[in-house]
Amino acid sequence: MAALPLLILSQQLMGFSLGLAGAILMVFLRDIREMVGVVTMLWFWMVPIVYTIDSVPHFMQAIQSYNPAWWFVREYHQIFVYGAMPDIGNILMMLAVGAAMAGAMSWFLASSEHQIRDAI
C-alpha cells in the first residue's frame, strides 16, 4: 500500500496528458469526440481487467507490454489481488513517462495557443 500514492499519481499524470492531447486536437479535428468513444471502448476490452491475462491468445499477451493501461492494471493486481509489493522500478518508470507526457502536452498547448485562439 506504500506504493499506491505513486501509482495513482503516475496514472493521473498520464490521464491528464491524454485528456489534454484530446482537448487540443478537438479544436482542430471536430471528429475526435466520436473517435475517443470508440477508441476508449476498444482499449477497455484490450486490457485484461475483467478477464485474466492467461485467457487471451498469445499474440495479445505479447502486445500487452506496449499498452500503458496494462502497466497500471498489472501493478494494481500486485497490490490488491496478490497482496504483494509492486515493482517500484515499473512505478518510477510510469511516473517518469507520465511526467514527460504532461510536460510535452503542456509545451504543445503553450506553443499552439495562438492557433487555438484563431480556430475558436
PDB file of N, CA and C in Angstrom:
ATOM      1  N   MET A   1       0.821  -1.195   0.000  1.00  0.00           N
ATOM      2  CA  MET A   1       0.000   0.000   0.000  1.00  0.00           C
ATOM      3  C   MET A   1       0.863   1.257   0.000  1.00  0.00           C
ATOM      4  N   ALA A   2       2.139   1.129   0.368  1.00  0.00           N
ATOM      5  CA  ALA A   2       3.009   2.303   0.409  1.00  0.00           C
ATOM      6  C   ALA A   2       3.272   2.857  -0.989  1.00  0.00           C
ATOM      7  N   ALA A   3       3.232   2.003  -1.994  1.00  0.00           N
ATOM      8  CA  ALA A   3       3.491   2.437  -3.371  1.00  0.00           C
ATOM      9  C   ALA A   3       2.245   2.953  -4.062  1.00  0.00           C
ATOM     10  N   LEU A   4       1.087   2.806  -3.445  1.00  0.00           N
ATOM     11  CA  LEU A   4      -0.171   3.192  -4.076  1.00  0.00           C
ATOM     12  C   LEU A   4      -0.243   4.687  -4.435  1.00  0.00           C
ATOM     13  N   PRO A   5       0.195   5.619  -3.572  1.00  0.00           N
ATOM     14  CA  PRO A   5       0.141   7.028  -3.972  1.00  0.00           C
ATOM     15  C   PRO A   5       0.978   7.338  -5.214  1.00  0.00           C
ATOM     16  N   LEU A   6       2.140   6.724  -5.344  1.00  0.00           N
ATOM     17  CA  LEU A   6       2.963   6.930  -6.550  1.00  0.00           C
ATOM     18  C   LEU A   6       2.279   6.368  -7.783  1.00  0.00           C
ATOM     19  N   LEU A   7       1.647   5.219  -7.627  1.00  0.00           N
ATOM     20  CA  LEU A   7       0.934   4.603  -8.749  1.00  0.00           C
ATOM     21  C   LEU A   7      -0.247   5.469  -9.185  1.00  0.00           C
ATOM     22  N   ILE A   8      -0.989   5.981  -8.220  1.00  0.00           N
ATOM     23  CA  ILE A   8      -2.130   6.844  -8.538  1.00  0.00           C
ATOM     24  C   ILE A   8      -1.655   8.136  -9.185  1.00  0.00           C
ATOM     25  N   LEU A   9      -0.581   8.715  -8.665  1.00  0.00           N
ATOM     26  CA  LEU A   9      -0.044   9.948  -9.242  1.00  0.00           C
ATOM     27  C   LEU A   9       0.399   9.746 -10.688  1.00  0.00           C
ATOM     28  N   SER A  10       1.085   8.652 -10.951  1.00  0.00           N
ATOM     29  CA  SER A  10       1.527   8.400 -12.325  1.00  0.00           C
ATOM     30  C   SER A  10       0.337   8.154 -13.250  1.00  0.00           C
ATOM     31  N   GLN A  11      -0.697   7.487 -12.759  1.00  0.00           N
ATOM     32  CA  GLN A  11      -1.892   7.268 -13.574  1.00  0.00           C
ATOM     33  C   GLN A  11      -2.598   8.591 -13.848  1.00  0.00           C
ATOM     34  N   GLN A  12      -2.664   9.454 -12.870  1.00  0.00           N
ATOM     35  CA  GLN A  12      -3.302  10.750 -13.064  1.00  0.00           C
ATOM     36  C   GLN A  12      -2.520  11.617 -14.048  1.00  0.00           C
ATOM     37  N   LEU A  13      -1.196  11.551 -14.002  1.00  0.00           N
ATOM     38  CA  LEU A  13      -0.384  12.304 -14.959  1.00  0.00           C
ATOM     39  C   LEU A  13      -0.624  11.837 -16.387  1.00  0.00           C
ATOM     40  N   MET A  14      -0.683  10.522 -16.579  1.00  0.00           N
ATOM     41  CA  MET A  14      -0.946  10.005 -17.920  1.00  0.00           C
ATOM     42  C   MET A  14      -2.362  10.336 -18.377  1.00  0.00           C
ATOM     43  N   GLY A  15      -3.329  10.241 -17.471  1.00  0.00           N
ATOM     44  CA  GLY A  15      -4.699  10.590 -17.815  1.00  0.00           C
ATOM     45  C   GLY A  15      -4.833  12.066 -18.160  1.00  0.00           C
ATOM     46  N   PHE A  16      -4.170  12.923 -17.387  1.00  0.00           N
ATOM     47  CA  PHE A  16      -4.178  14.353 -17.685  1.00  0.00           C
ATOM     48  C   PHE A  16      -3.576  14.623 -19.055  1.00  0.00           C
ATOM     49  N   SER A  17      -2.482  13.949 -19.356  1.00  0.00           N
ATOM     50  CA  SER A  17      -1.805  14.154 -20.637  1.00  0.00           C
ATOM     51  C   SER A  17      -2.673  13.710 -21.808  1.00  0.00           C
ATOM     52  N   LEU A  18      -3.303  12.559 -21.686  1.00  0.00           N
ATOM     53  CA  LEU A  18      -4.187  12.094 -22.756  1.00  0.00           C
ATOM     54  C   LEU A  18      -5.398  13.000 -22.916  1.00  0.00           C
ATOM     55  N   GLY A  19      -5.948  13.470 -21.808  1.00  0.00           N
ATOM     56  CA  GLY A  19      -7.075  14.386 -21.874  1.00  0.00           C
ATOM     57  C   GLY A  19      -6.703  15.712 -22.501  1.00  0.00           C
ATOM     58  N   LEU A  20      -5.526  16.222 -22.159  1.00  0.00           N
ATOM     59  CA  LEU A  20      -5.070  17.479 -22.737  1.00  0.00           C
ATOM     60  C   LEU A  20      -4.793  17.331 -24.227  1.00  0.00           C
ATOM     61  N   ALA A  21      -4.220  16.204 -24.612  1.00  0.00           N
ATOM     62  CA  ALA A  21      -3.986  15.954 -26.044  1.00  0.00           C
ATOM     63  C   ALA A  21      -5.306  15.888 -26.799  1.00  0.00           C
ATOM     64  N   GLY A  22      -6.293  15.208 -26.232  1.00  0.00           N
ATOM     65  CA  GLY A  22      -7.595  15.141 -26.880  1.00  0.00           C
ATOM     66  C   GLY A  22      -8.278  16.494 -26.968  1.00  0.00           C
ATOM     67  N   ALA A  23      -8.140  17.306 -25.911  1.00  0.00           N
ATOM     68  CA  ALA A  23      -8.758  18.636 -25.921  1.00  0.00           C
ATOM     69  C   ALA A  23      -8.116  19.541 -26.969  1.00  0.00           C
ATOM     70  N   ILE A  24      -6.809  19.471 -27.086  1.00  0.00           N
ATOM     71  CA  ILE A  24      -6.122  20.299 -28.087  1.00  0.00           C
ATOM     72  C   ILE A  24      -6.501  19.846 -29.487  1.00  0.00           C
ATOM     73  N   LEU A  25      -6.501  18.546 -29.711  1.00  0.00           N
ATOM     74  CA  LEU A  25      -6.828  18.037 -31.040  1.00  0.00           C
ATOM     75  C   LEU A  25      -8.281  18.292 -31.416  1.00  0.00           C
ATOM     76  N   MET A  26      -9.173  18.332 -30.421  1.00  0.00           N
ATOM     77  CA  MET A  26     -10.580  18.534 -30.725  1.00  0.00           C
ATOM     78  C   MET A  26     -10.843  19.929 -31.293  1.00  0.00           C
ATOM     79  N   VAL A  27      -9.980  20.886 -30.978  1.00  0.00           N
ATOM     80  CA  VAL A  27     -10.147  22.220 -31.548  1.00  0.00           C
ATOM     81  C   VAL A  27      -9.954  22.177 -33.061  1.00  0.00           C
ATOM     82  N   PHE A  28      -8.995  21.375 -33.503  1.00  0.00           N
ATOM     83  CA  PHE A  28      -8.661  21.331 -34.920  1.00  0.00           C
ATOM     84  C   PHE A  28      -9.398  20.229 -35.677  1.00  0.00           C
ATOM     85  N   LEU A  29      -9.702  19.126 -35.025  1.00  0.00           N
ATOM     86  CA  LEU A  29     -10.382  17.987 -35.644  1.00  0.00           C
ATOM     87  C   LEU A  29     -11.661  17.697 -34.852  1.00  0.00           C
ATOM     88  N   ARG A  30     -12.781  18.116 -35.349  1.00  0.00           N
ATOM     89  CA  ARG A  30     -14.039  18.002 -34.606  1.00  0.00           C
ATOM     90  C   ARG A  30     -14.495  16.555 -34.412  1.00  0.00           C
ATOM     91  N   ASP A  31     -14.016  15.637 -35.222  1.00  0.00           N
ATOM     92  CA  ASP A  31     -14.436  14.237 -35.109  1.00  0.00           C
ATOM     93  C   ASP A  31     -13.724  13.493 -33.992  1.00  0.00           C
ATOM     94  N   ILE A  32     -12.808  14.141 -33.298  1.00  0.00           N
ATOM     95  CA  ILE A  32     -12.092  13.493 -32.198  1.00  0.00           C
ATOM     96  C   ILE A  32     -13.069  13.012 -31.128  1.00  0.00           C
ATOM     97  N   ARG A  33     -14.130  13.780 -30.880  1.00  0.00           N
ATOM     98  CA  ARG A  33     -15.108  13.411 -29.849  1.00  0.00           C
ATOM     99  C   ARG A  33     -15.692  12.030 -30.123  1.00  0.00           C
ATOM    100  N   GLU A  34     -16.058  11.753 -31.359  1.00  0.00           N
ATOM    101  CA  GLU A  34     -16.627  10.450 -31.702  1.00  0.00           C
ATOM    102  C   GLU A  34     -15.559   9.358 -31.683  1.00  0.00           C
ATOM    103  N   MET A  35     -14.363   9.697 -32.121  1.00  0.00           N
ATOM    104  CA  MET A  35     -13.285   8.701 -32.152  1.00  0.00           C
ATOM    105  C   MET A  35     -12.855   8.299 -30.748  1.00  0.00           C
ATOM    106  N   VAL A  36     -12.886   9.231 -29.798  1.00  0.00           N
ATOM    107  CA  VAL A  36     -12.472   8.921 -28.429  1.00  0.00           C
ATOM    108  C   VAL A  36     -13.374   7.856 -27.818  1.00  0.00           C
ATOM    109  N   GLY A  37     -14.677   7.940 -28.065  1.00  0.00           N
ATOM    110  CA  GLY A  37     -15.588   6.932 -27.538  1.00  0.00           C
ATOM    111  C   GLY A  37     -15.301   5.543 -28.077  1.00  0.00           C
ATOM    112  N   VAL A  38     -15.049   5.452 -29.371  1.00  0.00           N
ATOM    113  CA  VAL A  38     -14.771   4.155 -29.994  1.00  0.00           C
ATOM    114  C   VAL A  38     -13.422   3.613 -29.523  1.00  0.00           C
ATOM    115  N   VAL A  39     -12.410   4.463 -29.522  1.00  0.00           N
ATOM    116  CA  VAL A  39     -11.072   4.026 -29.122  1.00  0.00           C
ATOM    117  C   VAL A  39     -11.047   3.616 -27.651  1.00  0.00           C
ATOM    118  N   THR A  40     -11.755   4.359 -26.808  1.00  0.00           N
ATOM    119  CA  THR A  40     -11.801   4.022 -25.389  1.00  0.00           C
ATOM    120  C   THR A  40     -12.467   2.667 -25.166  1.00  0.00           C
ATOM    121  N   MET A  41     -13.539   2.393 -25.887  1.00  0.00           N
ATOM    122  CA  MET A  41     -14.218   1.103 -25.746  1.00  0.00           C
ATOM    123  C   MET A  41     -13.305  -0.044 -26.195  1.00  0.00           C
ATOM    124  N   LEU A  42     -12.652   0.128 -27.336  1.00  0.00           N
ATOM    125  CA  LEU A  42     -11.721  -0.901 -27.806  1.00  0.00           C
ATOM    126  C   LEU A  42     -10.565  -1.091 -26.834  1.00  0.00           C
ATOM    127  N   TRP A  43     -10.040   0.025 -26.327  1.00  0.00           N
ATOM    128  CA  TRP A  43      -8.914  -0.036 -25.406  1.00  0.00           C
ATOM    129  C   TRP A  43      -9.326  -0.737 -24.115  1.00  0.00           C
ATOM    130  N   PHE A  44     -10.527  -0.473 -23.622  1.00  0.00           N
ATOM    131  CA  PHE A  44     -11.005  -1.133 -22.403  1.00  0.00           C
ATOM    132  C   PHE A  44     -11.028  -2.638 -22.568  1.00  0.00           C
ATOM    133  N   TRP A  45     -11.549  -3.123 -23.695  1.00  0.00           N
ATOM    134  CA  TRP A  45     -11.651  -4.561 -23.885  1.00  0.00           C
ATOM    135  C   TRP A  45     -10.322  -5.198 -24.258  1.00  0.00           C
ATOM    136  N   MET A  46      -9.320  -4.408 -24.645  1.00  0.00           N
ATOM    137  CA  MET A  46      -7.993  -4.950 -24.931  1.00  0.00           C
ATOM    138  C   MET A  46      -7.187  -5.167 -23.646  1.00  0.00           C
ATOM    139  N   VAL A  47      -7.543  -4.460 -22.585  1.00  0.00           N
ATOM    140  CA  VAL A  47      -6.814  -4.571 -21.321  1.00  0.00           C
ATOM    141  C   VAL A  47      -7.481  -5.636 -20.466  1.00  0.00           C
ATOM    142  N   PRO A  48      -6.729  -6.606 -19.985  1.00  0.00           N
ATOM    143  CA  PRO A  48      -7.320  -7.668 -19.162  1.00  0.00           C
ATOM    144  C   PRO A  48      -7.723  -7.176 -17.771  1.00  0.00           C
ATOM    145  N   ILE A  49      -8.855  -6.492 -17.718  1.00  0.00           N
ATOM    146  CA  ILE A  49      -9.397  -6.031 -16.440  1.00  0.00           C
ATOM    147  C   ILE A  49     -10.472  -6.999 -15.968  1.00  0.00           C
ATOM    148  N   VAL A  50     -11.388  -7.338 -16.850  1.00  0.00           N
ATOM    149  CA  VAL A  50     -12.499  -8.214 -16.487  1.00  0.00           C
ATOM    150  C   VAL A  50     -12.220  -9.673 -16.832  1.00  0.00           C
ATOM    151  N   TYR A  51     -11.046  -9.949 -17.343  1.00  0.00           N
ATOM    152  CA  TYR A  51     -10.624 -11.323 -17.627  1.00  0.00           C
ATOM    153  C   TYR A  51      -9.136 -11.426 -17.314  1.00  0.00           C
ATOM    154  N   THR A  52      -8.640 -12.638 -17.199  1.00  0.00           N
ATOM    155  CA  THR A  52      -7.228 -12.818 -16.840  1.00  0.00           C
ATOM    156  C   THR A  52      -6.351 -12.775 -18.087  1.00  0.00           C
ATOM    157  N   ILE A  53      -5.105 -12.436 -17.883  1.00  0.00           N
ATOM    158  CA  ILE A  53      -4.153 -12.344 -18.997  1.00  0.00           C
ATOM    159  C   ILE A  53      -3.910 -13.722 -19.610  1.00  0.00           C
ATOM    160  N   ASP A  54      -4.065 -14.772 -18.829  1.00  0.00           N
ATOM    161  CA  ASP A  54      -3.830 -16.122 -19.335  1.00  0.00           C
ATOM    162  C   ASP A  54      -4.932 -16.605 -20.277  1.00  0.00           C
ATOM    163  N   SER A  55      -6.090 -15.947 -20.258  1.00  0.00           N
ATOM    164  CA  SER A  55      -7.203 -16.408 -21.081  1.00  0.00           C
ATOM    165  C   SER A  55      -7.226 -15.788 -22.475  1.00  0.00           C
ATOM    166  N   VAL A  56      -6.269 -14.925 -22.801  1.00  0.00           N
ATOM    167  CA  VAL A  56      -6.231 -14.313 -24.128  1.00  0.00           C
ATOM    168  C   VAL A  56      -5.204 -15.038 -24.990  1.00  0.00           C
ATOM    169  N   PRO A  57      -5.320 -14.927 -26.298  1.00  0.00           N
ATOM    170  CA  PRO A  57      -4.337 -15.561 -27.177  1.00  0.00           C
ATOM    171  C   PRO A  57      -2.927 -15.010 -26.934  1.00  0.00           C
ATOM    172  N   HIS A  58      -1.941 -15.787 -27.329  1.00  0.00           N
ATOM    173  CA  HIS A  58      -0.549 -15.426 -27.059  1.00  0.00           C
ATOM    174  C   HIS A  58      -0.134 -14.130 -27.740  1.00  0.00           C
ATOM    175  N   PHE A  59      -0.658 -13.842 -28.931  1.00  0.00           N
ATOM    176  CA  PHE A  59      -0.254 -12.604 -29.591  1.00  0.00           C
ATOM    177  C   PHE A  59      -0.746 -11.385 -28.807  1.00  0.00           C
ATOM    178  N   MET A  60      -1.917 -11.498 -28.144  1.00  0.00           N
ATOM    179  CA  MET A  60      -2.396 -10.383 -27.328  1.00  0.00           C
ATOM    180  C   MET A  60      -1.602 -10.260 -26.037  1.00  0.00           C
ATOM    181  N   GLN A  61      -1.146 -11.384 -25.502  1.00  0.00           N
ATOM    182  CA  GLN A  61      -0.300 -11.325 -24.318  1.00  0.00           C
ATOM    183  C   GLN A  61       1.012 -10.626 -24.639  1.00  0.00           C
ATOM    184  N   ALA A  62       1.518 -10.844 -25.836  1.00  0.00           N
ATOM    185  CA  ALA A  62       2.790 -10.236 -26.223  1.00  0.00           C
ATOM    186  C   ALA A  62       2.674  -8.731 -26.406  1.00  0.00           C
ATOM    187  N   ILE A  63       1.528  -8.256 -26.925  1.00  0.00           N
ATOM    188  CA  ILE A  63       1.408  -6.820 -27.159  1.00  0.00           C
ATOM    189  C   ILE A  63       0.981  -6.047 -25.915  1.00  0.00           C
ATOM    190  N   GLN A  64       0.592  -6.731 -24.851  1.00  0.00           N
ATOM    191  CA  GLN A  64       0.188  -6.022 -23.635  1.00  0.00           C
ATOM    192  C   GLN A  64       1.340  -5.236 -23.016  1.00  0.00           C
ATOM    193  N   SER A  65       2.553  -5.650 -23.245  1.00  0.00           N
ATOM    194  CA  SER A  65       3.685  -4.914 -22.668  1.00  0.00           C
ATOM    195  C   SER A  65       3.823  -3.521 -23.265  1.00  0.00           C
ATOM    196  N   TYR A  66       3.185  -3.269 -24.408  1.00  0.00           N
ATOM    197  CA  TYR A  66       3.212  -1.948 -25.036  1.00  0.00           C
ATOM    198  C   TYR A  66       1.992  -1.108 -24.669  1.00  0.00           C
ATOM    199  N   ASN A  67       1.065  -1.656 -23.922  1.00  0.00           N
ATOM    200  CA  ASN A  67      -0.177  -0.995 -23.577  1.00  0.00           C
ATOM    201  C   ASN A  67      -0.033  -0.310 -22.211  1.00  0.00           C
ATOM    202  N   PRO A  68      -0.043   1.026 -22.159  1.00  0.00           N
ATOM    203  CA  PRO A  68       0.136   1.712 -20.879  1.00  0.00           C
ATOM    204  C   PRO A  68      -0.947   1.378 -19.854  1.00  0.00           C
ATOM    205  N   ALA A  69      -2.157   1.105 -20.282  1.00  0.00           N
ATOM    206  CA  ALA A  69      -3.216   0.757 -19.334  1.00  0.00           C
ATOM    207  C   ALA A  69      -2.899  -0.561 -18.631  1.00  0.00           C
ATOM    208  N   TRP A  70      -2.281  -1.491 -19.341  1.00  0.00           N
ATOM    209  CA  TRP A  70      -1.917  -2.774 -18.733  1.00  0.00           C
ATOM    210  C   TRP A  70      -0.830  -2.582 -17.676  1.00  0.00           C
ATOM    211  N   TRP A  71       0.044  -1.602 -17.885  1.00  0.00           N
ATOM    212  CA  TRP A  71       1.077  -1.336 -16.879  1.00  0.00           C
ATOM    213  C   TRP A  71       0.436  -1.049 -15.526  1.00  0.00           C
ATOM    214  N   PHE A  72      -0.601  -0.229 -15.548  1.00  0.00           N
ATOM    215  CA  PHE A  72      -1.263   0.133 -14.294  1.00  0.00           C
ATOM    216  C   PHE A  72      -2.070  -1.027 -13.727  1.00  0.00           C
ATOM    217  N   VAL A  73      -2.794  -1.726 -14.577  1.00  0.00           N
ATOM    218  CA  VAL A  73      -3.607  -2.852 -14.115  1.00  0.00           C
ATOM    219  C   VAL A  73      -2.723  -3.925 -13.476  1.00  0.00           C
ATOM    220  N   ARG A  74      -1.584  -4.189 -14.088  1.00  0.00           N
ATOM    221  CA  ARG A  74      -0.649  -5.188 -13.546  1.00  0.00           C
ATOM    222  C   ARG A  74      -0.180  -4.799 -12.147  1.00  0.00           C
ATOM    223  N   GLU A  75       0.146  -3.527 -11.951  1.00  0.00           N
ATOM    224  CA  GLU A  75       0.616  -3.089 -10.629  1.00  0.00           C
ATOM    225  C   GLU A  75      -0.520  -3.062  -9.609  1.00  0.00           C
ATOM    226  N   TYR A  76      -1.716  -2.672 -10.035  1.00  0.00           N
ATOM    227  CA  TYR A  76      -2.868  -2.729  -9.122  1.00  0.00           C
ATOM    228  C   TYR A  76      -3.179  -4.174  -8.730  1.00  0.00           C
ATOM    229  N   HIS A  77      -3.031  -5.100  -9.672  1.00  0.00           N
ATOM    230  CA  HIS A  77      -3.212  -6.522  -9.334  1.00  0.00           C
ATOM    231  C   HIS A  77      -2.222  -6.948  -8.263  1.00  0.00           C
ATOM    232  N   GLN A  78      -0.984  -6.518  -8.393  1.00  0.00           N
ATOM    233  CA  GLN A  78       0.024  -6.878  -7.393  1.00  0.00           C
ATOM    234  C   GLN A  78      -0.387  -6.405  -6.004  1.00  0.00           C
ATOM    235  N   ILE A  79      -0.939  -5.199  -5.931  1.00  0.00           N
ATOM    236  CA  ILE A  79      -1.303  -4.637  -4.624  1.00  0.00           C
ATOM    237  C   ILE A  79      -2.574  -5.268  -4.082  1.00  0.00           C
ATOM    238  N   PHE A  80      -3.641  -5.254  -4.872  1.00  0.00           N
ATOM    239  CA  PHE A  80      -4.954  -5.615  -4.343  1.00  0.00           C
ATOM    240  C   PHE A  80      -5.308  -7.090  -4.475  1.00  0.00           C
ATOM    241  N   VAL A  81      -4.861  -7.754  -5.528  1.00  0.00           N
ATOM    242  CA  VAL A  81      -5.225  -9.158  -5.715  1.00  0.00           C
ATOM    243  C   VAL A  81      -4.239 -10.075  -5.004  1.00  0.00           C
ATOM    244  N   TYR A  82      -2.948  -9.820  -5.217  1.00  0.00           N
ATOM    245  CA  TYR A  82      -1.935 -10.712  -4.663  1.00  0.00           C
ATOM    246  C   TYR A  82      -1.399 -10.250  -3.317  1.00  0.00           C
ATOM    247  N   GLY A  83      -1.676  -9.013  -2.920  1.00  0.00           N
ATOM    248  CA  GLY A  83      -1.188  -8.505  -1.640  1.00  0.00           C
ATOM    249  C   GLY A  83       0.321  -8.368  -1.599  1.00  0.00           C
ATOM    250  N   ALA A  84       0.931  -8.184  -2.746  1.00  0.00           N
ATOM    251  CA  ALA A  84       2.384  -8.104  -2.834  1.00  0.00           C
ATOM    252  C   ALA A  84       2.808  -6.669  -3.142  1.00  0.00           C
ATOM    253  N   MET A  85       4.067  -6.425  -2.908  1.00  0.00           N
ATOM    254  CA  MET A  85       4.636  -5.118  -3.231  1.00  0.00           C
ATOM    255  C   MET A  85       4.858  -5.044  -4.738  1.00  0.00           C
ATOM    256  N   PRO A  86       4.330  -4.012  -5.407  1.00  0.00           N
ATOM    257  CA  PRO A  86       4.560  -3.888  -6.848  1.00  0.00           C
ATOM    258  C   PRO A  86       6.012  -3.524  -7.127  1.00  0.00           C
ATOM    259  N   ASP A  87       6.402  -3.665  -8.351  1.00  0.00           N
ATOM    260  CA  ASP A  87       7.771  -3.354  -8.761  1.00  0.00           C
ATOM    261  C   ASP A  87       7.948  -1.833  -8.762  1.00  0.00           C
ATOM    262  N   ILE A  88       8.764  -1.342  -7.844  1.00  0.00           N
ATOM    263  CA  ILE A  88       8.984   0.104  -7.727  1.00  0.00           C
ATOM    264  C   ILE A  88       9.638   0.646  -8.990  1.00  0.00           C
ATOM    265  N   GLY A  89      10.479  -0.130  -9.636  1.00  0.00           N
ATOM    266  CA  GLY A  89      11.103   0.307 -10.884  1.00  0.00           C
ATOM    267  C   GLY A  89      10.061   0.599 -11.949  1.00  0.00           C
ATOM    268  N   ASN A  90       9.061  -0.264 -12.062  1.00  0.00           N
ATOM    269  CA  ASN A  90       7.979  -0.031 -13.022  1.00  0.00           C
ATOM    270  C   ASN A  90       7.183   1.214 -12.669  1.00  0.00           C
ATOM    271  N   ILE A  91       6.901   1.401 -11.384  1.00  0.00           N
ATOM    272  CA  ILE A  91       6.129   2.570 -10.972  1.00  0.00           C
ATOM    273  C   ILE A  91       6.906   3.853 -11.240  1.00  0.00           C
ATOM    274  N   LEU A  92       8.196   3.863 -10.944  1.00  0.00           N
ATOM    275  CA  LEU A  92       9.005   5.053 -11.217  1.00  0.00           C
ATOM    276  C   LEU A  92       9.112   5.317 -12.715  1.00  0.00           C
ATOM    277  N   MET A  93       9.190   4.251 -13.514  1.00  0.00           N
ATOM    278  CA  MET A  93       9.219   4.419 -14.967  1.00  0.00           C
ATOM    279  C   MET A  93       7.894   5.007 -15.455  1.00  0.00           C
ATOM    280  N   MET A  94       6.764   4.523 -14.917  1.00  0.00           N
ATOM    281  CA  MET A  94       5.460   5.064 -15.301  1.00  0.00           C
ATOM    282  C   MET A  94       5.320   6.510 -14.847  1.00  0.00           C
ATOM    283  N   LEU A  95       5.867   6.843 -13.689  1.00  0.00           N
ATOM    284  CA  LEU A  95       5.841   8.220 -13.208  1.00  0.00           C
ATOM    285  C   LEU A  95       6.657   9.123 -14.124  1.00  0.00           C
ATOM    286  N   ALA A  96       7.816   8.641 -14.556  1.00  0.00           N
ATOM    287  CA  ALA A  96       8.652   9.418 -15.473  1.00  0.00           C
ATOM    288  C   ALA A  96       7.970   9.598 -16.826  1.00  0.00           C
ATOM    289  N   VAL A  97       7.348   8.538 -17.342  1.00  0.00           N
ATOM    290  CA  VAL A  97       6.631   8.644 -18.615  1.00  0.00           C
ATOM    291  C   VAL A  97       5.450   9.605 -18.476  1.00  0.00           C
ATOM    292  N   GLY A  98       4.719   9.513 -17.382  1.00  0.00           N
ATOM    293  CA  GLY A  98       3.592  10.421 -17.156  1.00  0.00           C
ATOM    294  C   GLY A  98       4.039  11.868 -17.039  1.00  0.00           C
ATOM    295  N   ALA A  99       5.138  12.107 -16.326  1.00  0.00           N
ATOM    296  CA  ALA A  99       5.654  13.470 -16.198  1.00  0.00           C
ATOM    297  C   ALA A  99       6.146  13.997 -17.544  1.00  0.00           C
ATOM    298  N   ALA A 100       6.803  13.141 -18.314  1.00  0.00           N
ATOM    299  CA  ALA A 100       7.278  13.558 -19.640  1.00  0.00           C
ATOM    300  C   ALA A 100       6.091  13.860 -20.564  1.00  0.00           C
ATOM    301  N   MET A 101       5.059  13.025 -20.503  1.00  0.00           N
ATOM    302  CA  MET A 101       3.874  13.275 -21.332  1.00  0.00           C
ATOM    303  C   MET A 101       3.177  14.564 -20.916  1.00  0.00           C
ATOM    304  N   ALA A 102       3.054  14.798 -19.605  1.00  0.00           N
ATOM    305  CA  ALA A 102       2.415  16.021 -19.119  1.00  0.00           C
ATOM    306  C   ALA A 102       3.227  17.245 -19.541  1.00  0.00           C
ATOM    307  N   GLY A 103       4.546  17.148 -19.449  1.00  0.00           N
ATOM    308  CA  GLY A 103       5.390  18.256 -19.892  1.00  0.00           C
ATOM    309  C   GLY A 103       5.279  18.502 -21.379  1.00  0.00           C
ATOM    310  N   ALA A 104       5.252  17.436 -22.159  1.00  0.00           N
ATOM    311  CA  ALA A 104       5.141  17.575 -23.617  1.00  0.00           C
ATOM    312  C   ALA A 104       3.791  18.166 -24.011  1.00  0.00           C
ATOM    313  N   MET A 105       2.721  17.719 -23.366  1.00  0.00           N
ATOM    314  CA  MET A 105       1.408  18.258 -23.699  1.00  0.00           C
ATOM    315  C   MET A 105       1.254  19.703 -23.244  1.00  0.00           C
ATOM    316  N   SER A 106       1.859  20.058 -22.112  1.00  0.00           N
ATOM    317  CA  SER A 106       1.832  21.452 -21.672  1.00  0.00           C
ATOM    318  C   SER A 106       2.598  22.334 -22.647  1.00  0.00           C
ATOM    319  N   TRP A 107       3.742  21.848 -23.111  1.00  0.00           N
ATOM    320  CA  TRP A 107       4.506  22.597 -24.114  1.00  0.00           C
ATOM    321  C   TRP A 107       3.711  22.719 -25.411  1.00  0.00           C
ATOM    322  N   PHE A 108       3.057  21.623 -25.823  1.00  0.00           N
ATOM    323  CA  PHE A 108       2.254  21.644 -27.045  1.00  0.00           C
ATOM    324  C   PHE A 108       1.110  22.645 -26.921  1.00  0.00           C
ATOM    325  N   LEU A 109       0.481  22.696 -25.749  1.00  0.00           N
ATOM    326  CA  LEU A 109      -0.598  23.658 -25.524  1.00  0.00           C
ATOM    327  C   LEU A 109      -0.071  25.087 -25.596  1.00  0.00           C
ATOM    328  N   ALA A 110       1.056  25.332 -24.968  1.00  0.00           N
ATOM    329  CA  ALA A 110       1.626  26.686 -24.982  1.00  0.00           C
ATOM    330  C   ALA A 110       2.048  27.102 -26.387  1.00  0.00           C
ATOM    331  N   SER A 111       2.595  26.164 -27.149  1.00  0.00           N
ATOM    332  CA  SER A 111       3.063  26.519 -28.488  1.00  0.00           C
ATOM    333  C   SER A 111       1.928  26.636 -29.496  1.00  0.00           C
ATOM    334  N   SER A 112       0.798  26.021 -29.226  1.00  0.00           N
ATOM    335  CA  SER A 112      -0.320  26.103 -30.171  1.00  0.00           C
ATOM    336  C   SER A 112      -1.436  27.012 -29.678  1.00  0.00           C
ATOM    337  N   GLU A 113      -1.162  27.803 -28.648  1.00  0.00           N
ATOM    338  CA  GLU A 113      -2.189  28.657 -28.071  1.00  0.00           C
ATOM    339  C   GLU A 113      -2.737  29.670 -29.082  1.00  0.00           C
ATOM    340  N   HIS A 114      -1.875  30.246 -29.896  1.00  0.00           N
ATOM    341  CA  HIS A 114      -2.332  31.226 -30.879  1.00  0.00           C
ATOM    342  C   HIS A 114      -3.213  30.571 -31.946  1.00  0.00           C
ATOM    343  N   GLN A 115      -2.843  29.380 -32.398  1.00  0.00           N
ATOM    344  CA  GLN A 115      -3.670  28.684 -33.370  1.00  0.00           C
ATOM    345  C   GLN A 115      -5.012  28.279 -32.777  1.00  0.00           C
ATOM    346  N   ILE A 116      -5.020  27.921 -31.515  1.00  0.00           N
ATOM    347  CA  ILE A 116      -6.275  27.548 -30.870  1.00  0.00           C
ATOM    348  C   ILE A 116      -7.189  28.754 -30.763  1.00  0.00           C
ATOM    349  N   ARG A 117      -6.631  29.908 -30.398  1.00  0.00           N
ATOM    350  CA  ARG A 117      -7.448  31.132 -30.321  1.00  0.00           C
ATOM    351  C   ARG A 117      -8.034  31.480 -31.687  1.00  0.00           C
ATOM    352  N   ASP A 118      -7.231  31.323 -32.735  1.00  0.00           N
ATOM    353  CA  ASP A 118      -7.734  31.622 -34.079  1.00  0.00           C
ATOM    354  C   ASP A 118      -8.828  30.648 -34.500  1.00  0.00           C
ATOM    355  N   ALA A 119      -8.670  29.373 -34.122  1.00  0.00           N
ATOM    356  CA  ALA A 119      -9.651  28.357 -34.533  1.00  0.00           C
ATOM    357  C   ALA A 119     -10.967  28.507 -33.782  1.00  0.00           C
ATOM    358  N   ILE A 120     -10.889  28.972 -32.563  1.00  0.00           N
ATOM    359  CA  ILE A 120     -12.114  29.122 -31.766  1.00  0.00           C
ATOM    360  C   ILE A 120     -12.804  30.393 -32.186  1.00  0.00           C
TER     361      ILE A 120
END
